Amino acid sequence: MHWTRRLCDLPLAPILTGLLATLYCGAVGMSIFVLSEALATPLFILAAYWTWLALQPDQKNNPIPKKFSPLLIPAAIALATACLTRPSWSLWLPIACIYILFASYLAHQRDRKTHLLQPAIFLVAFLLTMTPWWIRNYTITGKFVPTTLQVGASLYDGWHPMASGSSDENMAFSTEFLQLQLQQDQLLASEGKPLESTLEWRIDRRLLNAAYHWAIENPSDVAKLGLVKFLKTWMPLPIARELGNPWVRWWEAGSYSTIMLLAFWGLRCLAKSHPLSALWIAMPCLYLAVLHAVFIGSVRYRQPGVLILCVLAGIGAAHILSLRFPNPKKILKPSGDPLHTNPTQAIGAQDYQASGAQNHSTTDEYPRNSNSNPDS
């Protein structure tokens, strides 16, 4: 809600954002089941919001973003904690660094040090947060393990001859790979050769290699499976067997479809005046779509992206209502988006211009109550 309020002056936009997130079936489900997403999702949303907020200006004093915002440090810590909870977010780090670098360049084109300072500090804060976990893994395995030793099993779950796009029942193939690894270990031991690292590490490597080799040898099957996983993740009506209750399935389909349609409209409106912010808000969905076209697909994996889209959906819903009930004094805020364009293109500006308020000067594009907080 606060994110929406920072972007949009339409008074109903934050309320509608909160309402959509509250009534979203996926959000309700994540609060009931004991899953890693229950912790990783709010952590990632915090990281994404703080990263965006750190690159915005102090609108009270300066329209240009600061050369460095301390808020990037807790943003990096939140992202690292989300990675420890849900390792699939570890690949978000380069995306965040590129976004920070690009936004810093657009805001401070003549200051080359600032271009590198902000992403460098974000990266260092992330690495420092992850370091205790890496030290712990190295002391146990003698190898650098970025997140977990379940990556091989997860990848093989999505890439193997009998893959269906969903997770195999209890990953039954793990038992087969365990037996193969134990046989190889016995053979090496009988020859007097040392075993590399731990048994868990060796099984993880075997599963990773098997998944890679199968994908290289069967590119057409990989492409077909990618499409199947995409549909399993993003179809409005869930087709997973774990959602057998028809009421829950239709609730998920209705709430998800509503958010996606309103978010598309909100993205269209926001992109006119805040294109970089609009891209950042939509990026988690693109990231999850690509990631789970490789790993297994399920509606549970789309929840973080859909919840962030509630920001766009709230803006879209408020804009639609403003077309029916115009309020010329409430339009999109001129935030510090480095790609911010003509303020007359902001949400609601067309309604403002069409309302016949010729008595306002051209410098009063964003009329406000003089007692209001610019950040509210």
Protein backbone atom coordinates (compact mmCIF):
# COMPACT_ATOMS: atom_id res chain seq x y z
CA MET A 1 0.00 0.00 0.00
CA HIS A 2 2.83 2.36 0.83
CA TRP A 3 4.50 1.53 -2.47
CA THR A 4 1.31 2.44 -4.33
CA ARG A 5 0.95 5.63 -2.32
CA ARG A 6 4.47 6.67 -3.28
CA LEU A 7 3.64 6.25 -6.94
CA CYS A 8 0.08 7.49 -7.20
CA ASP A 9 -2.00 10.29 -5.71
CA LEU A 10 -5.31 8.68 -6.55
CA PRO A 11 -6.70 8.30 -3.01
CA LEU A 12 -8.27 4.88 -3.58
CA ALA A 13 -5.15 3.32 -5.14
CA PRO A 14 -3.42 2.23 -1.88
CA ILE A 15 -6.69 0.99 -0.40
CA LEU A 16 -7.47 -1.04 -3.52
CA THR A 17 -3.93 -2.47 -3.51
CA GLY A 18 -4.35 -3.69 0.06
CA LEU A 19 -7.84 -5.02 -0.64
CA LEU A 20 -6.70 -7.01 -3.68
CA ALA A 21 -3.76 -8.49 -1.77
CA THR A 22 -5.97 -9.37 1.20
CA LEU A 23 -8.60 -11.12 -0.92
CA TYR A 24 -6.12 -12.91 -3.16
CA CYS A 25 -6.53 -16.65 -2.66
CA GLY A 26 -2.83 -17.35 -3.10
CA ALA A 27 -1.91 -14.92 -0.31
CA VAL A 28 -4.45 -16.55 2.00
CA GLY A 29 -3.08 -19.98 1.17
CA MET A 30 0.52 -18.95 1.84
CA SER A 31 -0.52 -17.82 5.32
CA ILE A 32 -2.09 -21.21 6.12
CA PHE A 33 0.36 -23.81 4.81
CA VAL A 34 3.80 -24.21 6.35
CA LEU A 35 5.89 -23.50 3.25
CA SER A 36 9.11 -21.62 2.64
CA GLU A 37 7.15 -19.05 0.60
CA ALA A 38 5.40 -17.89 3.78
CA LEU A 39 8.68 -16.29 4.89
CA ALA A 40 10.51 -15.81 1.60
CA THR A 41 7.68 -13.88 -0.07
CA PRO A 42 7.42 -10.96 2.42
CA LEU A 43 11.23 -10.82 2.59
CA PHE A 44 11.52 -10.54 -1.17
CA ILE A 45 8.77 -7.93 -1.39
CA LEU A 46 10.58 -5.89 1.26
CA ALA A 47 13.85 -6.22 -0.67
CA ALA A 48 12.21 -5.14 -3.94
CA TYR A 49 10.43 -2.19 -2.33
CA TRP A 50 13.45 -0.96 -0.39
CA THR A 51 15.63 -1.25 -3.50
CA TRP A 52 13.16 0.87 -5.44
CA LEU A 53 12.68 3.35 -2.59
CA ALA A 54 16.44 3.81 -2.14
CA LEU A 55 16.66 5.15 -5.69
CA GLN A 56 13.87 7.69 -5.25
CA PRO A 57 14.56 11.35 -4.34
CA ASP A 58 13.79 13.11 -1.11
CA GLN A 59 10.86 14.97 -2.63
CA LYS A 60 10.75 17.45 0.23
CA ASN A 61 14.17 18.89 -0.51
CA ASN A 62 15.68 17.56 -3.70
CA PRO A 63 14.12 16.19 -6.91
CA ILE A 64 17.31 14.24 -7.70
CA PRO A 65 17.96 10.87 -5.98
CA LYS A 66 20.80 10.75 -3.46
CA LYS A 67 24.21 9.55 -4.58
CA PHE A 68 23.90 6.80 -1.99
CA SER A 69 20.95 5.70 0.08
CA PRO A 70 21.59 3.64 3.24
CA LEU A 71 18.30 1.86 2.50
CA LEU A 72 20.16 -0.29 -0.03
CA ILE A 73 21.85 -2.13 2.85
CA PRO A 74 18.68 -3.50 4.50
CA ALA A 75 17.34 -4.19 1.00
CA ALA A 76 20.36 -6.41 0.31
CA ILE A 77 20.04 -8.10 3.72
CA ALA A 78 16.35 -8.83 3.06
CA LEU A 79 17.18 -10.30 -0.35
CA ALA A 80 19.94 -12.48 1.12
CA THR A 81 17.59 -13.71 3.85
CA ALA A 82 14.98 -14.50 1.19
CA CYS A 83 17.64 -16.53 -0.66
CA LEU A 84 18.45 -18.47 2.49
CA THR A 85 14.74 -19.20 2.89
CA ARG A 86 14.02 -19.83 -0.79
CA PRO A 87 17.25 -20.42 -2.79
CA SER A 88 15.54 -19.70 -6.12
CA TRP A 89 15.79 -15.95 -5.35
CA SER A 90 19.61 -16.09 -5.51
CA LEU A 91 19.52 -15.40 -9.26
CA TRP A 92 17.70 -12.13 -8.56
CA LEU A 93 20.96 -10.57 -7.33
CA PRO A 94 22.38 -9.71 -10.79
CA ILE A 95 19.02 -8.30 -11.87
CA ALA A 96 18.91 -6.04 -8.82
CA CYS A 97 22.50 -4.87 -9.38
CA ILE A 98 21.80 -4.05 -13.04
CA TYR A 99 18.66 -2.14 -12.08
CA ILE A 100 20.54 -0.13 -9.43
CA LEU A 101 23.39 0.57 -11.85
CA PHE A 102 21.04 1.70 -14.62
CA ALA A 103 18.90 3.87 -12.34
CA SER A 104 22.04 5.43 -10.83
CA TYR A 105 23.41 6.18 -14.27
CA LEU A 106 20.22 7.89 -15.39
CA ALA A 107 20.02 9.97 -12.20
CA HIS A 108 23.71 10.92 -12.02
CA GLN A 109 25.03 10.73 -15.56
CA ARG A 110 28.09 12.90 -14.89
CA ASP A 111 29.14 11.14 -11.70
CA ARG A 112 30.71 7.84 -12.71
CA LYS A 113 31.66 6.91 -9.16
CA THR A 114 28.00 6.95 -8.12
CA HIS A 115 27.11 4.56 -10.96
CA LEU A 116 29.28 1.88 -9.40
CA LEU A 117 29.05 2.86 -5.73
CA GLN A 118 25.40 1.96 -5.17
CA PRO A 119 25.39 -1.50 -6.80
CA ALA A 120 28.76 -2.24 -5.20
CA ILE A 121 27.49 -1.50 -1.69
CA PHE A 122 24.33 -3.51 -2.37
CA LEU A 123 26.46 -6.44 -3.55
CA VAL A 124 28.82 -6.24 -0.56
CA ALA A 125 25.90 -6.15 1.91
CA PHE A 126 24.40 -9.21 0.21
CA LEU A 127 27.70 -11.12 0.27
CA LEU A 128 28.35 -10.30 3.93
CA THR A 129 24.90 -11.57 4.88
CA MET A 130 25.46 -14.83 2.99
CA THR A 131 29.03 -15.36 4.24
CA PRO A 132 28.18 -17.20 7.52
CA TRP A 133 26.11 -19.70 5.55
CA TRP A 134 28.89 -20.20 3.01
CA ILE A 135 31.43 -20.74 5.80
CA ARG A 136 29.15 -23.29 7.43
CA ASN A 137 28.71 -25.17 4.13
CA TYR A 138 32.44 -25.16 3.42
CA THR A 139 33.33 -26.52 6.84
CA ILE A 140 30.96 -29.45 6.25
CA THR A 141 31.54 -30.24 2.57
CA GLY A 142 34.93 -28.69 1.82
CA LYS A 143 33.24 -27.11 -1.22
CA PHE A 144 31.65 -23.78 -2.00
CA VAL A 145 27.90 -24.35 -1.79
CA PRO A 146 26.01 -21.10 -2.60
CA THR A 147 22.64 -22.12 -1.18
CA THR A 148 21.72 -25.76 -0.72
CA LEU A 149 22.56 -29.25 -1.91
CA GLN A 150 19.03 -29.77 -3.22
CA VAL A 151 19.61 -27.86 -6.47
CA GLY A 152 20.49 -31.04 -8.34
CA ALA A 153 17.34 -32.81 -7.21
CA SER A 154 15.19 -29.79 -8.05
CA LEU A 155 16.69 -29.45 -11.53
CA TYR A 156 16.42 -33.17 -12.25
CA ASP A 157 12.79 -33.01 -11.11
CA GLY A 158 12.17 -30.68 -14.06
CA TRP A 159 14.57 -32.26 -16.57
CA HIS A 160 14.47 -36.02 -16.85
CA PRO A 161 12.95 -38.62 -19.22
CA MET A 162 9.71 -39.04 -17.23
CA ALA A 163 9.25 -35.36 -16.33
CA SER A 164 5.68 -34.05 -16.49
CA GLY A 165 6.21 -30.42 -15.47
CA SER A 166 5.06 -31.10 -11.91
CA SER A 167 7.11 -32.51 -9.06
CA ASP A 168 7.47 -36.28 -9.00
CA GLU A 169 5.85 -37.95 -6.01
CA ASN A 170 8.33 -37.50 -3.14
CA MET A 171 11.14 -37.31 -5.73
CA ALA A 172 11.24 -41.10 -5.93
CA PHE A 173 14.17 -40.92 -8.36
CA SER A 174 16.40 -39.82 -5.45
CA THR A 175 16.44 -43.39 -4.10
CA GLU A 176 17.77 -44.69 -7.40
CA PHE A 177 20.52 -42.08 -7.51
CA LEU A 178 21.42 -42.82 -3.90
CA GLN A 179 21.92 -46.50 -4.72
CA LEU A 180 24.03 -45.65 -7.77
CA GLN A 181 26.21 -43.31 -5.73
CA LEU A 182 26.69 -45.85 -2.96
CA GLN A 183 27.77 -48.46 -5.50
CA GLN A 184 30.29 -46.04 -7.00
CA ASP A 185 31.59 -45.13 -3.53
CA GLN A 186 32.12 -48.80 -2.70
CA LEU A 187 34.00 -49.29 -5.97
CA LEU A 188 36.26 -46.31 -5.29
CA ALA A 189 36.84 -47.47 -1.71
CA SER A 190 37.84 -50.95 -2.91
CA GLU A 191 40.38 -49.35 -5.25
CA GLY A 192 41.76 -47.24 -2.41
CA LYS A 193 40.70 -43.94 -3.96
CA PRO A 194 39.49 -41.11 -1.67
CA LEU A 195 35.88 -39.98 -1.83
CA GLU A 196 35.21 -36.38 -2.75
CA SER A 197 33.36 -34.26 -0.17
CA THR A 198 30.20 -35.67 1.48
CA LEU A 199 27.68 -38.20 0.23
CA GLU A 200 25.04 -35.49 -0.08
CA TRP A 201 27.35 -33.36 -2.22
CA ARG A 202 28.19 -36.28 -4.51
CA ILE A 203 24.51 -37.14 -5.01
CA ASP A 204 23.76 -33.50 -5.80
CA ARG A 205 26.54 -33.43 -8.45
CA ARG A 206 25.27 -36.68 -9.98
CA LEU A 207 21.73 -35.31 -10.25
CA LEU A 208 22.95 -32.02 -11.72
CA ASN A 209 25.05 -33.77 -14.37
CA ALA A 210 22.21 -36.13 -15.27
CA ALA A 211 19.79 -33.21 -15.70
CA TYR A 212 22.25 -31.22 -17.83
CA HIS A 213 23.08 -34.17 -20.06
CA TRP A 214 19.42 -35.02 -20.61
CA ALA A 215 18.58 -31.39 -21.48
CA ILE A 216 21.45 -31.17 -23.99
CA GLU A 217 20.42 -34.42 -25.66
CA ASN A 218 16.67 -33.58 -25.74
CA PRO A 219 16.25 -29.86 -26.55
CA SER A 220 12.79 -30.31 -28.08
CA ASP A 221 11.52 -32.05 -24.95
CA VAL A 222 12.99 -29.25 -22.84
CA ALA A 223 11.07 -26.68 -24.89
CA LYS A 224 7.80 -28.64 -24.63
CA LEU A 225 8.25 -29.10 -20.89
CA GLY A 226 8.96 -25.37 -20.54
CA LEU A 227 5.60 -24.56 -22.10
CA VAL A 228 3.83 -27.10 -19.89
CA LYS A 229 5.47 -25.66 -16.76
CA PHE A 230 4.57 -22.13 -17.83
CA LEU A 231 0.91 -23.09 -18.17
CA LYS A 232 0.92 -24.94 -14.85
CA THR A 233 2.33 -21.85 -13.13
CA TRP A 234 0.31 -19.09 -14.79
CA MET A 235 -3.03 -20.63 -15.80
CA PRO A 236 -5.88 -18.76 -14.04
CA LEU A 237 -7.64 -22.01 -13.09
CA PRO A 238 -5.15 -24.25 -11.23
CA ILE A 239 -4.76 -27.72 -12.65
CA ALA A 240 -2.69 -29.10 -9.77
CA ARG A 241 -4.06 -32.11 -7.95
CA GLU A 242 -3.39 -30.58 -4.52
CA LEU A 243 -6.16 -28.01 -5.15
CA GLY A 244 -9.06 -30.41 -5.34
CA ASN A 245 -11.69 -28.17 -3.74
CA PRO A 246 -13.60 -26.52 -6.63
CA TRP A 247 -14.47 -23.47 -4.52
CA VAL A 248 -10.80 -22.83 -3.77
CA ARG A 249 -9.86 -23.35 -7.41
CA TRP A 250 -12.44 -20.86 -8.66
CA TRP A 251 -11.54 -18.39 -5.91
CA GLU A 252 -7.89 -18.59 -7.00
CA ALA A 253 -8.88 -18.21 -10.66
CA GLY A 254 -11.15 -15.22 -10.02
CA SER A 255 -8.82 -13.30 -7.71
CA TYR A 256 -5.76 -14.03 -9.84
CA SER A 257 -7.47 -13.01 -13.09
CA THR A 258 -8.76 -9.79 -11.52
CA ILE A 259 -5.28 -8.82 -10.31
CA MET A 260 -3.65 -9.64 -13.64
CA LEU A 261 -6.16 -7.68 -15.72
CA LEU A 262 -6.02 -4.64 -13.45
CA ALA A 263 -2.22 -4.90 -13.27
CA PHE A 264 -2.01 -4.86 -17.05
CA TRP A 265 -4.04 -1.66 -17.10
CA GLY A 266 -1.97 -0.21 -14.28
CA LEU A 267 1.24 -1.11 -16.11
CA ARG A 268 -0.04 0.64 -19.22
CA CYS A 269 -0.81 3.78 -17.19
CA LEU A 270 2.35 3.76 -15.08
CA ALA A 271 4.70 3.12 -18.00
CA LYS A 272 3.80 6.50 -19.49
CA SER A 273 5.37 8.46 -16.65
CA HIS A 274 7.38 5.95 -14.58
CA PRO A 275 8.66 3.35 -17.08
CA LEU A 276 11.59 2.18 -14.96
CA SER A 277 9.39 1.75 -11.88
CA ALA A 278 6.79 -0.11 -13.95
CA LEU A 279 9.47 -2.45 -15.30
CA TRP A 280 10.85 -3.11 -11.80
CA ILE A 281 7.41 -4.01 -10.45
CA ALA A 282 6.65 -6.34 -13.37
CA MET A 283 10.12 -7.95 -13.40
CA PRO A 284 9.49 -10.55 -10.62
CA CYS A 285 6.77 -12.17 -12.72
CA LEU A 286 9.09 -12.36 -15.72
CA TYR A 287 11.82 -13.79 -13.51
CA LEU A 288 9.54 -16.46 -12.04
CA ALA A 289 8.15 -17.33 -15.47
CA VAL A 290 11.63 -18.06 -16.85
CA LEU A 291 12.86 -19.79 -13.68
CA HIS A 292 9.93 -22.17 -13.45
CA ALA A 293 10.01 -22.98 -17.12
CA VAL A 294 13.27 -24.72 -16.15
CA PHE A 295 12.36 -26.08 -12.72
CA ILE A 296 8.93 -27.52 -11.96
CA GLY A 297 5.78 -25.43 -12.43
CA SER A 298 3.02 -24.86 -9.88
CA VAL A 299 0.66 -22.04 -8.88
CA ARG A 300 2.51 -21.71 -5.55
CA TYR A 301 5.56 -20.35 -7.36
CA ARG A 302 3.73 -17.40 -8.89
CA GLN A 303 2.53 -15.95 -5.58
CA PRO A 304 5.41 -13.49 -4.89
CA GLY A 305 5.12 -11.97 -8.35
CA VAL A 306 1.35 -11.69 -8.21
CA LEU A 307 1.44 -10.01 -4.80
CA ILE A 308 3.86 -7.36 -6.12
CA LEU A 309 1.56 -6.88 -9.11
CA CYS A 310 -1.10 -5.76 -6.64
CA VAL A 311 0.72 -2.40 -6.70
CA LEU A 312 -0.01 -2.07 -10.41
CA ALA A 313 -3.49 -3.55 -9.98
CA GLY A 314 -4.38 -0.95 -7.33
CA ILE A 315 -3.23 1.85 -9.64
CA GLY A 316 -5.15 0.33 -12.54
CA ALA A 317 -8.34 -0.07 -10.51
CA ALA A 318 -8.10 3.46 -9.16
CA HIS A 319 -7.54 4.86 -12.64
CA ILE A 320 -10.58 3.04 -14.01
CA LEU A 321 -12.68 4.46 -11.16
CA SER A 322 -11.23 7.93 -11.81
CA LEU A 323 -12.46 7.74 -15.40
CA ARG A 324 -15.97 7.10 -14.09
CA PHE A 325 -15.70 9.55 -11.18
CA PRO A 326 -13.02 12.09 -12.21
CA ASN A 327 -11.11 13.99 -9.56
CA PRO A 328 -8.76 16.42 -11.33
CA LYS A 329 -6.65 17.14 -8.26
CA LYS A 330 -5.49 13.58 -7.81
CA ILE A 331 -2.98 12.42 -10.41
CA LEU A 332 0.20 10.39 -10.51
CA LYS A 333 3.06 11.73 -8.43
CA PRO A 334 6.13 13.14 -10.17
CA SER A 335 8.49 10.73 -8.44
CA GLY A 336 12.21 10.45 -8.99
CA ASP A 337 11.99 7.75 -11.64
CA PRO A 338 15.00 8.55 -13.84
CA LEU A 339 12.90 7.77 -16.89
CA HIS A 340 10.07 10.04 -15.72
CA THR A 341 8.57 11.67 -18.80
CA ASN A 342 6.22 14.54 -19.43
CA PRO A 343 4.10 15.02 -16.29
CA THR A 344 1.05 15.67 -18.43
CA GLN A 345 1.18 11.96 -19.32
CA ALA A 346 0.70 10.94 -15.70
CA ILE A 347 -2.26 8.92 -14.53
CA GLY A 348 -5.27 11.16 -14.30
CA ALA A 349 -3.59 14.08 -16.08
CA GLN A 350 -5.83 13.67 -19.09
CA ASP A 351 -8.87 13.92 -16.85
CA TYR A 352 -7.37 16.98 -15.23
CA GLN A 353 -6.80 18.71 -18.54
CA ALA A 354 -10.25 17.76 -19.78
CA SER A 355 -11.98 19.09 -16.68
CA GLY A 356 -11.73 22.66 -17.92
CA ALA A 357 -9.40 23.87 -15.17
CA GLN A 358 -7.78 26.52 -17.33
CA ASN A 359 -7.23 28.73 -14.31
CA HIS A 360 -4.27 26.61 -13.21
CA SER A 361 -0.87 27.69 -14.46
CA THR A 362 1.35 25.33 -16.43
CA THR A 363 3.71 25.08 -13.48
CA ASP A 364 0.95 23.71 -11.24
CA GLU A 365 0.78 20.32 -12.93
CA TYR A 366 0.47 18.52 -9.58
CA PRO A 367 -1.86 20.57 -7.34
CA ARG A 368 -1.75 19.55 -3.70
CA ASN A 369 -3.07 20.55 -0.37
CA SER A 370 -0.37 22.77 1.06
CA ASN A 371 -0.59 20.92 4.38
CA SER A 372 -0.21 17.44 2.90
CA ASN A 373 2.90 15.34 3.08
CA PRO A 374 4.48 14.88 -0.36
CA ASP A 375 5.31 11.29 0.45
CA SER A 376 1.80 10.38 1.58
